[in-house]
Amino acid sequence: MFWKKTKTATDSFELKEETDQREAFRYVFKGDRHLSMIFKETSVQILDISAGGIAFKGEGFRRYDADQISLFLDIPNFRGDITFSARLRILNITGNGICHCIFENCTIEKYEMIHKYVLEMQKNEMISNSKKQMI
């Protein structure tokens, strides 16, 4: 005999948690906070960043364009070199010109540096938002 496995409430919860996980480790730049870089000899403003890659608005680029980039990450409570460098490749360009990119040839230390940067930026934003609510 065969039984059909039914989904439990925890199965649904685990699926939802996996889909929300991407947002947990990505920092979206807002307001006066921003980060810029040079990509293929063009200055671009980064829209968001994660250990997997970045998104930026840019014109004149094509899918799969790649370049070696350097970022200077102002990471609070971080000791050591704040220079992040990696090869960046455009995977997709949306209709409104947003380039979604991945980092290539990164060491574990560089990935960890981005994780630390994202975490510190999220913490600073939460502190800033809580101070605004108190006023």
C-alpha atoms as a PDB file:
ATOM      1  CA  MET A   1       0.000   0.000   0.000  1.00  0.00           C
ATOM      2  CA  PHE A   2       1.068   3.546  -0.695  1.00  0.00           C
ATOM      3  CA  TRP A   3       0.330   6.589   1.389  1.00  0.00           C
ATOM      4  CA  LYS A   4       0.468  10.119   0.223  1.00  0.00           C
ATOM      5  CA  LYS A   5       2.604  12.321   2.449  1.00  0.00           C
ATOM      6  CA  THR A   6       0.708  15.365   3.615  1.00  0.00           C
ATOM      7  CA  LYS A   7       2.384  18.678   4.195  1.00  0.00           C
ATOM      8  CA  THR A   8       2.598  19.779   7.776  1.00  0.00           C
ATOM      9  CA  ALA A   9       2.607  23.343   9.065  1.00  0.00           C
ATOM     10  CA  THR A  10       6.368  23.126   9.630  1.00  0.00           C
ATOM     11  CA  ASP A  11       6.981  22.142   5.991  1.00  0.00           C
ATOM     12  CA  SER A  12       5.311  25.347   4.848  1.00  0.00           C
ATOM     13  CA  PHE A  13       7.221  27.406   7.403  1.00  0.00           C
ATOM     14  CA  GLU A  14      10.577  26.028   6.248  1.00  0.00           C
ATOM     15  CA  LEU A  15       9.781  26.853   2.632  1.00  0.00           C
ATOM     16  CA  LYS A  16       8.844  30.427   3.497  1.00  0.00           C
ATOM     17  CA  GLU A  17      11.976  30.862   5.588  1.00  0.00           C
ATOM     18  CA  GLU A  18      14.170  29.796   2.666  1.00  0.00           C
ATOM     19  CA  THR A  19      12.600  32.323   0.302  1.00  0.00           C
ATOM     20  CA  ASP A  20      13.013  35.159   2.830  1.00  0.00           C
ATOM     21  CA  GLN A  21      16.644  34.288   3.534  1.00  0.00           C
ATOM     22  CA  ARG A  22      17.984  36.251   0.537  1.00  0.00           C
ATOM     23  CA  GLU A  23      16.761  39.532   1.972  1.00  0.00           C
ATOM     24  CA  ALA A  24      18.330  38.845   5.348  1.00  0.00           C
ATOM     25  CA  PHE A  25      21.895  39.119   4.037  1.00  0.00           C
ATOM     26  CA  ARG A  26      21.543  41.902   1.470  1.00  0.00           C
ATOM     27  CA  TYR A  27      21.938  45.596   2.169  1.00  0.00           C
ATOM     28  CA  VAL A  28      19.948  48.020   0.032  1.00  0.00           C
ATOM     29  CA  PHE A  29      21.388  51.528  -0.033  1.00  0.00           C
ATOM     30  CA  LYS A  30      18.844  54.250   0.764  1.00  0.00           C
ATOM     31  CA  GLY A  31      18.835  58.009   1.150  1.00  0.00           C
ATOM     32  CA  ASP A  32      22.239  59.589   1.638  1.00  0.00           C
ATOM     33  CA  ARG A  33      23.999  56.267   2.114  1.00  0.00           C
ATOM     34  CA  HIS A  34      25.584  54.977  -1.054  1.00  0.00           C
ATOM     35  CA  LEU A  35      28.602  53.189  -2.424  1.00  0.00           C
ATOM     36  CA  SER A  36      30.198  53.842  -5.806  1.00  0.00           C
ATOM     37  CA  MET A  37      32.671  51.957  -7.935  1.00  0.00           C
ATOM     38  CA  ILE A  38      34.293  51.956 -11.358  1.00  0.00           C
ATOM     39  CA  PHE A  39      33.047  49.253 -13.726  1.00  0.00           C
ATOM     40  CA  LYS A  40      34.540  49.094 -17.212  1.00  0.00           C
ATOM     41  CA  GLU A  41      35.917  52.635 -16.834  1.00  0.00           C
ATOM     42  CA  THR A  42      32.495  54.013 -15.864  1.00  0.00           C
ATOM     43  CA  SER A  43      31.533  55.286 -12.414  1.00  0.00           C
ATOM     44  CA  VAL A  44      28.368  53.577 -11.175  1.00  0.00           C
ATOM     45  CA  GLN A  45      26.370  53.782  -7.969  1.00  0.00           C
ATOM     46  CA  ILE A  46      25.707  50.484  -6.196  1.00  0.00           C
ATOM     47  CA  LEU A  47      22.042  49.864  -5.350  1.00  0.00           C
ATOM     48  CA  ASP A  48      22.509  46.811  -3.132  1.00  0.00           C
ATOM     49  CA  ILE A  49      25.233  44.436  -1.995  1.00  0.00           C
ATOM     50  CA  SER A  50      25.523  40.905  -0.631  1.00  0.00           C
ATOM     51  CA  ALA A  51      28.282  38.319  -0.432  1.00  0.00           C
ATOM     52  CA  GLY A  52      26.969  36.910  -3.695  1.00  0.00           C
ATOM     53  CA  GLY A  53      27.210  40.120  -5.665  1.00  0.00           C
ATOM     54  CA  ILE A  54      25.810  43.569  -6.263  1.00  0.00           C
ATOM     55  CA  ALA A  55      23.276  45.443  -8.327  1.00  0.00           C
ATOM     56  CA  PHE A  56      23.887  48.809  -9.928  1.00  0.00           C
ATOM     57  CA  LYS A  57      22.186  51.062 -12.416  1.00  0.00           C
ATOM     58  CA  GLY A  58      24.215  51.453 -15.539  1.00  0.00           C
ATOM     59  CA  GLU A  59      23.872  52.112 -19.220  1.00  0.00           C
ATOM     60  CA  GLY A  60      25.915  50.778 -22.089  1.00  0.00           C
ATOM     61  CA  PHE A  61      26.715  47.450 -20.451  1.00  0.00           C
ATOM     62  CA  ARG A  62      25.873  44.026 -21.792  1.00  0.00           C
ATOM     63  CA  ARG A  63      25.010  40.725 -20.171  1.00  0.00           C
ATOM     64  CA  TYR A  64      28.162  38.821 -19.135  1.00  0.00           C
ATOM     65  CA  ASP A  65      30.385  41.916 -19.197  1.00  0.00           C
ATOM     66  CA  ALA A  66      33.063  41.514 -16.531  1.00  0.00           C
ATOM     67  CA  ASP A  67      35.683  43.677 -14.861  1.00  0.00           C
ATOM     68  CA  GLN A  68      38.031  43.653 -11.882  1.00  0.00           C
ATOM     69  CA  ILE A  69      36.589  46.046  -9.276  1.00  0.00           C
ATOM     70  CA  SER A  70      37.730  47.487  -5.968  1.00  0.00           C
ATOM     71  CA  LEU A  71      35.522  48.764  -3.163  1.00  0.00           C
ATOM     72  CA  PHE A  72      36.535  50.598  -0.015  1.00  0.00           C
ATOM     73  CA  LEU A  73      34.177  49.321   2.652  1.00  0.00           C
ATOM     74  CA  ASP A  74      33.898  51.556   5.699  1.00  0.00           C
ATOM     75  CA  ILE A  75      33.148  48.764   8.164  1.00  0.00           C
ATOM     76  CA  PRO A  76      32.575  49.820  11.785  1.00  0.00           C
ATOM     77  CA  ASN A  77      34.385  47.672  14.366  1.00  0.00           C
ATOM     78  CA  PHE A  78      36.615  46.094  11.704  1.00  0.00           C
ATOM     79  CA  ARG A  79      40.362  45.903  11.987  1.00  0.00           C
ATOM     80  CA  GLY A  80      42.396  45.321   8.900  1.00  0.00           C
ATOM     81  CA  ASP A  81      42.371  46.223   5.240  1.00  0.00           C
ATOM     82  CA  ILE A  82      38.965  47.565   4.145  1.00  0.00           C
ATOM     83  CA  THR A  83      39.717  47.140   0.443  1.00  0.00           C
ATOM     84  CA  PHE A  84      37.530  44.564  -1.280  1.00  0.00           C
ATOM     85  CA  SER A  85      38.510  43.488  -4.758  1.00  0.00           C
ATOM     86  CA  ALA A  86      37.038  40.836  -7.011  1.00  0.00           C
ATOM     87  CA  ARG A  87      36.049  40.124 -10.554  1.00  0.00           C
ATOM     88  CA  LEU A  88      32.458  41.214 -11.142  1.00  0.00           C
ATOM     89  CA  ARG A  89      30.272  39.726 -13.887  1.00  0.00           C
ATOM     90  CA  ILE A  90      26.856  40.969 -15.034  1.00  0.00           C
ATOM     91  CA  LEU A  91      24.382  38.099 -15.075  1.00  0.00           C
ATOM     92  CA  ASN A  92      21.219  39.981 -15.933  1.00  0.00           C
ATOM     93  CA  ILE A  93      20.112  43.467 -16.917  1.00  0.00           C
ATOM     94  CA  THR A  94      16.524  44.453 -16.201  1.00  0.00           C
ATOM     95  CA  GLY A  95      14.364  46.531 -18.520  1.00  0.00           C
ATOM     96  CA  ASN A  96      15.074  49.661 -16.495  1.00  0.00           C
ATOM     97  CA  GLY A  97      18.861  49.220 -16.742  1.00  0.00           C
ATOM     98  CA  ILE A  98      19.688  47.603 -13.398  1.00  0.00           C
ATOM     99  CA  CYS A  99      22.673  45.273 -13.710  1.00  0.00           C
ATOM    100  CA  HIS A 100      22.632  42.241 -11.397  1.00  0.00           C
ATOM    101  CA  CYS A 101      26.145  40.920 -10.895  1.00  0.00           C
ATOM    102  CA  ILE A 102      28.064  38.163  -9.121  1.00  0.00           C
ATOM    103  CA  PHE A 103      31.508  38.202  -7.565  1.00  0.00           C
ATOM    104  CA  GLU A 104      33.979  35.761  -9.091  1.00  0.00           C
ATOM    105  CA  ASN A 105      37.306  34.489  -7.747  1.00  0.00           C
ATOM    106  CA  CYS A 106      36.660  35.579  -4.153  1.00  0.00           C
ATOM    107  CA  THR A 107      38.425  34.108  -1.177  1.00  0.00           C
ATOM    108  CA  ILE A 108      36.464  33.067   1.884  1.00  0.00           C
ATOM    109  CA  GLU A 109      37.968  36.041   3.716  1.00  0.00           C
ATOM    110  CA  LYS A 110      36.574  38.435   1.096  1.00  0.00           C
ATOM    111  CA  TYR A 111      33.111  36.849   1.330  1.00  0.00           C
ATOM    112  CA  GLU A 112      33.275  37.186   5.104  1.00  0.00           C
ATOM    113  CA  MET A 113      34.258  40.848   4.725  1.00  0.00           C
ATOM    114  CA  ILE A 114      31.093  41.494   2.697  1.00  0.00           C
ATOM    115  CA  HIS A 115      28.978  39.614   5.268  1.00  0.00           C
ATOM    116  CA  LYS A 116      30.479  41.790   8.017  1.00  0.00           C
ATOM    117  CA  TYR A 117      29.839  44.958   5.991  1.00  0.00           C
ATOM    118  CA  VAL A 118      26.198  44.010   5.325  1.00  0.00           C
ATOM    119  CA  LEU A 119      25.637  43.115   8.983  1.00  0.00           C
ATOM    120  CA  GLU A 120      27.139  46.382  10.251  1.00  0.00           C
ATOM    121  CA  MET A 121      25.175  48.458   7.730  1.00  0.00           C
ATOM    122  CA  GLN A 122      21.931  46.721   8.747  1.00  0.00           C
ATOM    123  CA  LYS A 123      22.703  47.300  12.440  1.00  0.00           C
ATOM    124  CA  ASN A 124      23.469  51.000  11.843  1.00  0.00           C
ATOM    125  CA  GLU A 125      20.230  51.403   9.900  1.00  0.00           C
ATOM    126  CA  MET A 126      18.208  49.764  12.688  1.00  0.00           C
ATOM    127  CA  ILE A 127      19.804  52.038  15.291  1.00  0.00           C
ATOM    128  CA  SER A 128      19.163  55.085  13.113  1.00  0.00           C
ATOM    129  CA  ASN A 129      15.514  54.087  12.569  1.00  0.00           C
ATOM    130  CA  SER A 130      14.931  53.475  16.284  1.00  0.00           C
ATOM    131  CA  LYS A 131      16.371  56.929  17.118  1.00  0.00           C
ATOM    132  CA  LYS A 132      14.038  58.543  14.573  1.00  0.00           C
ATOM    133  CA  GLN A 133      11.048  56.800  16.128  1.00  0.00           C
ATOM    134  CA  MET A 134      11.982  58.113  19.578  1.00  0.00           C
ATOM    135  CA  ILE A 135      11.932  61.718  18.372  1.00  0.00           C
END
